[in-house]
Amino acid sequence: MSQKNIHGYIVIYKNNAHKGAEHLAYTLSFDEAFSLFQSAQNSGEAKFEDRVGRNFTLKYKTTGTFLLKKRIGW
């Protein structure tokens, strides 16, 4: 597992979700990423797709961290 501070949020992810972490950190604007983090905090998770069609789920953990997972298919 890897860990990355993205816009002030600690995100934990496996190697297969590395592209999703890069998307959150470098591709999305701060406001776009912030809305995903807020959505995950409010409802437990936020699903998103990067610009090449890879699917990810950002889950909020009670420890105040986020878990990023790669989703397969739809």
C-alpha atoms as a PDB file:
ATOM      1  CA  MET A   1       0.000   0.000   0.000  1.00  0.00           C
ATOM      2  CA  SER A   2       1.124   3.525  -0.775  1.00  0.00           C
ATOM      3  CA  GLN A   3       0.147   6.755   0.912  1.00  0.00           C
ATOM      4  CA  LYS A   4      -0.012  10.252  -0.575  1.00  0.00           C
ATOM      5  CA  ASN A   5      -1.059  13.648   0.717  1.00  0.00           C
ATOM      6  CA  ILE A   6      -3.419  15.063  -1.911  1.00  0.00           C
ATOM      7  CA  HIS A   7      -4.636  18.609  -1.312  1.00  0.00           C
ATOM      8  CA  GLY A   8      -4.234  18.088   2.440  1.00  0.00           C
ATOM      9  CA  TYR A   9      -6.021  14.725   2.533  1.00  0.00           C
ATOM     10  CA  ILE A  10      -4.204  11.446   3.251  1.00  0.00           C
ATOM     11  CA  VAL A  11      -5.032   8.909   0.522  1.00  0.00           C
ATOM     12  CA  ILE A  12      -4.037   5.241   0.835  1.00  0.00           C
ATOM     13  CA  TYR A  13      -4.022   3.104  -2.303  1.00  0.00           C
ATOM     14  CA  LYS A  14      -2.630  -0.053  -3.873  1.00  0.00           C
ATOM     15  CA  ASN A  15      -0.363   0.085  -6.924  1.00  0.00           C
ATOM     16  CA  ASN A  16      -3.293  -0.614  -9.275  1.00  0.00           C
ATOM     17  CA  ALA A  17      -4.903   2.673  -8.161  1.00  0.00           C
ATOM     18  CA  HIS A  18      -1.754   4.782  -8.653  1.00  0.00           C
ATOM     19  CA  LYS A  19      -3.205   6.448 -11.766  1.00  0.00           C
ATOM     20  CA  GLY A  20      -6.283   7.450  -9.779  1.00  0.00           C
ATOM     21  CA  ALA A  21      -4.113   9.109  -7.135  1.00  0.00           C
ATOM     22  CA  GLU A  22      -2.230  10.984  -9.850  1.00  0.00           C
ATOM     23  CA  HIS A  23      -5.542  12.051 -11.387  1.00  0.00           C
ATOM     24  CA  LEU A  24      -6.752  13.468  -8.063  1.00  0.00           C
ATOM     25  CA  ALA A  25      -3.446  15.189  -7.357  1.00  0.00           C
ATOM     26  CA  TYR A  26      -2.359  16.535 -10.722  1.00  0.00           C
ATOM     27  CA  THR A  27      -5.155  16.422 -13.318  1.00  0.00           C
ATOM     28  CA  LEU A  28      -8.191  17.707 -11.446  1.00  0.00           C
ATOM     29  CA  SER A  29      -8.380  21.257 -10.234  1.00  0.00           C
ATOM     30  CA  PHE A  30      -8.411  21.811  -6.481  1.00  0.00           C
ATOM     31  CA  ASP A  31     -12.177  22.468  -6.577  1.00  0.00           C
ATOM     32  CA  GLU A  32     -12.891  19.283  -8.558  1.00  0.00           C
ATOM     33  CA  ALA A  33     -10.802  17.136  -6.225  1.00  0.00           C
ATOM     34  CA  PHE A  34     -12.249  18.881  -3.159  1.00  0.00           C
ATOM     35  CA  SER A  35     -15.792  18.031  -4.267  1.00  0.00           C
ATOM     36  CA  LEU A  36     -14.830  14.338  -4.533  1.00  0.00           C
ATOM     37  CA  PHE A  37     -13.300  14.370  -1.044  1.00  0.00           C
ATOM     38  CA  GLN A  38     -16.380  16.123   0.367  1.00  0.00           C
ATOM     39  CA  SER A  39     -18.712  13.674  -1.351  1.00  0.00           C
ATOM     40  CA  ALA A  40     -16.752  10.736   0.087  1.00  0.00           C
ATOM     41  CA  GLN A  41     -16.872  12.273   3.568  1.00  0.00           C
ATOM     42  CA  ASN A  42     -20.614  12.908   3.368  1.00  0.00           C
ATOM     43  CA  SER A  43     -21.775   9.630   1.829  1.00  0.00           C
ATOM     44  CA  GLY A  44     -18.911   7.260   2.605  1.00  0.00           C
ATOM     45  CA  GLU A  45     -17.603   6.998  -0.940  1.00  0.00           C
ATOM     46  CA  ALA A  46     -17.297   8.833  -4.232  1.00  0.00           C
ATOM     47  CA  LYS A  47     -16.949   7.100  -7.595  1.00  0.00           C
ATOM     48  CA  PHE A  48     -15.087   8.784 -10.426  1.00  0.00           C
ATOM     49  CA  GLU A  49     -13.478   8.097 -13.771  1.00  0.00           C
ATOM     50  CA  ASP A  50     -10.221   9.506 -15.064  1.00  0.00           C
ATOM     51  CA  ARG A  51      -9.864  10.996 -18.532  1.00  0.00           C
ATOM     52  CA  VAL A  52      -8.918   7.688 -20.165  1.00  0.00           C
ATOM     53  CA  GLY A  53     -11.858   5.766 -18.694  1.00  0.00           C
ATOM     54  CA  ARG A  54     -10.329   4.041 -15.656  1.00  0.00           C
ATOM     55  CA  ASN A  55     -12.830   3.762 -12.801  1.00  0.00           C
ATOM     56  CA  PHE A  56     -12.002   4.465  -9.148  1.00  0.00           C
ATOM     57  CA  THR A  57     -13.751   4.667  -5.793  1.00  0.00           C
ATOM     58  CA  LEU A  58     -12.629   7.040  -3.051  1.00  0.00           C
ATOM     59  CA  LYS A  59     -13.791   5.810   0.373  1.00  0.00           C
ATOM     60  CA  TYR A  60     -13.736   7.791   3.600  1.00  0.00           C
ATOM     61  CA  LYS A  61     -12.405   5.948   6.629  1.00  0.00           C
ATOM     62  CA  THR A  62     -13.311   6.791  10.233  1.00  0.00           C
ATOM     63  CA  THR A  63      -9.626   7.471  10.893  1.00  0.00           C
ATOM     64  CA  GLY A  64      -9.912  10.607   8.751  1.00  0.00           C
ATOM     65  CA  THR A  65      -8.032   9.068   5.837  1.00  0.00           C
ATOM     66  CA  PHE A  66      -9.263   8.009   2.414  1.00  0.00           C
ATOM     67  CA  LEU A  67      -8.895   4.672   0.650  1.00  0.00           C
ATOM     68  CA  LEU A  68      -8.649   4.766  -3.135  1.00  0.00           C
ATOM     69  CA  LYS A  69      -9.584   1.619  -5.039  1.00  0.00           C
ATOM     70  CA  LYS A  70      -9.627   0.795  -8.726  1.00  0.00           C
ATOM     71  CA  ARG A  71     -12.964  -0.500  -9.999  1.00  0.00           C
ATOM     72  CA  ILE A  72     -13.251  -2.960 -12.855  1.00  0.00           C
ATOM     73  CA  GLY A  73     -15.918  -2.502 -15.508  1.00  0.00           C
ATOM     74  CA  TRP A  74     -19.002  -0.417 -14.968  1.00  0.00           C
END
